[in-house]
Amino acid sequence: MTTPTHTCYTVCDRGEGKKAYWARIGSAWTNKDGSFNLRLDALPIDGKVVVRVRKDDEEAAGFSDPA
């Protein structure tokens, strides 16, 4: 499998005046037609997934996909 192009997160609200917590829950790959394949390691409680372009430093930080 190729290196993921995006990272999937769930964003947890911590209440008024506090920063939200972004929990990494998986990886995504861009298909030739612009659609995505997602591989989720966890499911968000609220059903919302945020997909962001993968940063180069994520692999160096140990977030490489085991597949």
C-alpha atoms as a PDB file:
ATOM      1  CA  MET A   1       0.000   0.000   0.000  1.00  0.00           C
ATOM      2  CA  THR A   2       1.194   3.518  -0.706  1.00  0.00           C
ATOM      3  CA  THR A   3       1.866   6.251   1.828  1.00  0.00           C
ATOM      4  CA  PRO A   4      -1.354   8.004   2.940  1.00  0.00           C
ATOM      5  CA  THR A   5      -1.977  11.456   1.483  1.00  0.00           C
ATOM      6  CA  HIS A   6      -4.257  12.634   4.301  1.00  0.00           C
ATOM      7  CA  THR A   7      -4.804  12.103   8.035  1.00  0.00           C
ATOM      8  CA  CYS A   8      -8.230  11.608   9.651  1.00  0.00           C
ATOM      9  CA  TYR A   9      -9.136  13.252  12.958  1.00  0.00           C
ATOM     10  CA  THR A  10     -12.051  13.662  15.309  1.00  0.00           C
ATOM     11  CA  VAL A  11     -12.220  17.031  17.034  1.00  0.00           C
ATOM     12  CA  CYS A  12     -13.301  16.921  20.678  1.00  0.00           C
ATOM     13  CA  ASP A  13     -14.723  20.118  22.138  1.00  0.00           C
ATOM     14  CA  ARG A  14     -13.409  20.724  25.679  1.00  0.00           C
ATOM     15  CA  GLY A  15     -15.821  23.473  26.581  1.00  0.00           C
ATOM     16  CA  GLU A  16     -15.968  27.221  26.426  1.00  0.00           C
ATOM     17  CA  GLY A  17     -12.616  28.983  26.491  1.00  0.00           C
ATOM     18  CA  LYS A  18     -10.600  25.776  26.035  1.00  0.00           C
ATOM     19  CA  LYS A  19      -8.839  24.565  22.892  1.00  0.00           C
ATOM     20  CA  ALA A  20     -10.391  21.617  21.094  1.00  0.00           C
ATOM     21  CA  TYR A  21      -8.494  18.319  21.117  1.00  0.00           C
ATOM     22  CA  TRP A  22      -7.710  16.788  17.719  1.00  0.00           C
ATOM     23  CA  ALA A  23      -7.456  12.992  18.034  1.00  0.00           C
ATOM     24  CA  ARG A  24      -5.866  11.143  15.106  1.00  0.00           C
ATOM     25  CA  ILE A  25      -8.170   8.278  14.159  1.00  0.00           C
ATOM     26  CA  GLY A  26      -6.891   7.096  10.785  1.00  0.00           C
ATOM     27  CA  SER A  27      -5.432   7.726   7.342  1.00  0.00           C
ATOM     28  CA  ALA A  28      -6.765   8.470   3.874  1.00  0.00           C
ATOM     29  CA  TRP A  29      -5.572   8.016   0.312  1.00  0.00           C
ATOM     30  CA  THR A  30      -6.593  10.055  -2.715  1.00  0.00           C
ATOM     31  CA  ASN A  31      -7.858   8.020  -5.677  1.00  0.00           C
ATOM     32  CA  LYS A  32      -7.221   8.941  -9.315  1.00  0.00           C
ATOM     33  CA  ASP A  33     -10.777  10.330  -9.600  1.00  0.00           C
ATOM     34  CA  GLY A  34     -10.314  12.614  -6.560  1.00  0.00           C
ATOM     35  CA  SER A  35     -12.319  10.451  -4.143  1.00  0.00           C
ATOM     36  CA  PHE A  36     -10.829   9.011  -0.919  1.00  0.00           C
ATOM     37  CA  ASN A  37     -10.258   5.649   0.698  1.00  0.00           C
ATOM     38  CA  LEU A  38     -10.283   5.886   4.500  1.00  0.00           C
ATOM     39  CA  ARG A  39      -8.726   3.505   6.990  1.00  0.00           C
ATOM     40  CA  LEU A  40     -10.058   4.325  10.444  1.00  0.00           C
ATOM     41  CA  ASP A  41      -8.520   2.914  13.624  1.00  0.00           C
ATOM     42  CA  ALA A  42     -11.307   4.420  15.766  1.00  0.00           C
ATOM     43  CA  LEU A  43     -14.754   5.899  15.234  1.00  0.00           C
ATOM     44  CA  PRO A  44     -15.756   9.381  16.369  1.00  0.00           C
ATOM     45  CA  ILE A  45     -18.578   9.536  18.900  1.00  0.00           C
ATOM     46  CA  ASP A  46     -20.310  12.387  17.061  1.00  0.00           C
ATOM     47  CA  GLY A  47     -19.887  10.795  13.622  1.00  0.00           C
ATOM     48  CA  LYS A  48     -17.746  13.647  12.252  1.00  0.00           C
ATOM     49  CA  VAL A  49     -14.372  12.989  10.630  1.00  0.00           C
ATOM     50  CA  VAL A  50     -12.001  15.785   9.618  1.00  0.00           C
ATOM     51  CA  VAL A  51      -9.657  14.872   6.747  1.00  0.00           C
ATOM     52  CA  ARG A  52      -6.535  17.028   6.399  1.00  0.00           C
ATOM     53  CA  VAL A  53      -3.577  16.887   4.023  1.00  0.00           C
ATOM     54  CA  ARG A  54      -0.822  14.863   5.618  1.00  0.00           C
ATOM     55  CA  LYS A  55       2.199  16.813   6.846  1.00  0.00           C
ATOM     56  CA  ASP A  56       5.698  15.576   6.023  1.00  0.00           C
ATOM     57  CA  ASP A  57       6.634  15.481   9.716  1.00  0.00           C
ATOM     58  CA  GLU A  58       3.836  13.000  10.612  1.00  0.00           C
ATOM     59  CA  GLU A  59       5.745  10.008   9.285  1.00  0.00           C
ATOM     60  CA  ALA A  60       8.879  11.086  11.162  1.00  0.00           C
ATOM     61  CA  ALA A  61       6.780  11.399  14.337  1.00  0.00           C
ATOM     62  CA  GLY A  62       5.753   7.739  14.121  1.00  0.00           C
ATOM     63  CA  PHE A  63       2.400   8.134  12.377  1.00  0.00           C
ATOM     64  CA  SER A  64       3.243   5.954   9.405  1.00  0.00           C
ATOM     65  CA  ASP A  65       0.547   3.509   8.361  1.00  0.00           C
ATOM     66  CA  PRO A  66       1.398  -0.127   9.235  1.00  0.00           C
ATOM     67  CA  ALA A  67      -0.167  -1.539   6.070  1.00  0.00           C
END
